[in-house]
Amino acid sequence: MTNCVDADARQKYVNILSRKLKKGGRLFIRNPIREEHGTPVDEIRQLMANAGLHERAFQMKKSFHLGPRYSGTFVKA
């Protein structure tokens, strides 16, 4: 999601998603993390934390076609 949204608007959209969640609600994100196409994991985590979401689980994988990618589950406190 975050790699398809302009950097200036990312926090706005994550905040909107967070507001839609009830307490304990979960948001799942899968995003490429290549330098030329993707969002750094630290930025994803900061966007989510700023919106009141806490990382519950994550996985880093690499596939032949997609390259490295991050998958994370975030929970609203």
Protein backbone atom coordinates (compact mmCIF):
# COMPACT_ATOMS: atom_id res chain seq x y z
CA MET A 1 0.00 0.00 0.00
CA THR A 2 2.55 2.56 1.05
CA ASN A 3 4.65 2.30 -2.10
CA CYS A 4 1.62 3.27 -4.26
CA VAL A 5 0.89 6.44 -2.27
CA ASP A 6 2.92 9.64 -2.44
CA ALA A 7 5.25 9.96 0.54
CA ASP A 8 3.48 13.18 1.66
CA ALA A 9 0.10 11.43 1.89
CA ARG A 10 1.12 8.13 3.48
CA GLN A 11 0.52 9.16 7.08
CA LYS A 12 -2.87 10.61 6.18
CA TYR A 13 -4.05 7.31 4.68
CA VAL A 14 -2.64 5.15 7.48
CA ASN A 15 -4.41 7.42 9.98
CA ILE A 16 -7.70 6.96 8.11
CA LEU A 17 -7.29 3.17 8.15
CA SER A 18 -6.46 3.25 11.86
CA ARG A 19 -9.56 5.32 12.67
CA LYS A 20 -11.73 2.69 10.93
CA LEU A 21 -10.45 -0.06 13.24
CA LYS A 22 -12.06 -0.88 16.56
CA LYS A 23 -9.87 -1.42 19.60
CA GLY A 24 -8.05 -4.72 19.01
CA GLY A 25 -8.67 -4.48 15.26
CA ARG A 26 -5.91 -5.64 12.95
CA LEU A 27 -4.32 -4.18 9.85
CA PHE A 28 -2.26 -6.41 7.58
CA ILE A 29 0.27 -4.94 5.18
CA ARG A 30 2.48 -6.59 2.56
CA ASN A 31 4.87 -4.26 0.82
CA PRO A 32 7.96 -4.49 -1.38
CA ILE A 33 11.08 -3.12 0.27
CA ARG A 34 13.43 -2.78 -2.69
CA GLU A 35 15.23 0.55 -2.90
CA GLU A 36 13.92 1.31 -6.38
CA HIS A 37 10.33 0.29 -5.62
CA GLY A 38 9.03 0.01 -2.10
CA THR A 39 8.96 1.55 1.34
CA PRO A 40 11.63 0.93 3.98
CA VAL A 41 10.47 -1.21 6.90
CA ASP A 42 11.41 1.49 9.43
CA GLU A 43 9.17 3.97 7.62
CA ILE A 44 6.25 1.52 7.57
CA ARG A 45 6.64 0.86 11.29
CA GLN A 46 6.84 4.59 12.08
CA LEU A 47 3.71 5.36 10.02
CA MET A 48 1.80 2.66 11.88
CA ALA A 49 3.08 3.71 15.32
CA ASN A 50 2.15 7.35 14.60
CA ALA A 51 -1.40 6.12 13.91
CA GLY A 52 -1.62 4.19 17.20
CA LEU A 53 -1.00 0.76 15.71
CA HIS A 54 1.40 -1.73 17.27
CA GLU A 55 3.25 -4.40 15.33
CA ARG A 56 2.03 -7.81 16.44
CA ALA A 57 3.86 -10.01 13.92
CA PHE A 58 6.06 -9.59 10.88
CA GLN A 59 7.83 -11.61 8.23
CA MET A 60 10.54 -10.75 5.75
CA LYS A 61 10.60 -12.84 2.58
CA LYS A 62 12.27 -12.74 -0.78
CA SER A 63 10.74 -14.12 -3.93
CA PHE A 64 12.22 -14.47 -7.36
CA HIS A 65 9.59 -12.27 -9.02
CA LEU A 66 8.85 -9.72 -6.32
CA GLY A 67 12.20 -9.45 -4.58
CA PRO A 68 12.33 -8.67 -0.85
CA ARG A 69 9.05 -7.87 0.85
CA TYR A 70 7.76 -7.15 4.31
CA SER A 71 4.50 -8.49 5.74
CA GLY A 72 3.26 -7.11 9.02
CA THR A 73 0.21 -7.35 11.24
CA PHE A 74 -0.59 -4.30 13.32
CA VAL A 75 -3.13 -4.04 16.12
CA LYS A 76 -4.99 -0.97 17.37
CA ALA A 77 -4.49 -0.46 21.09
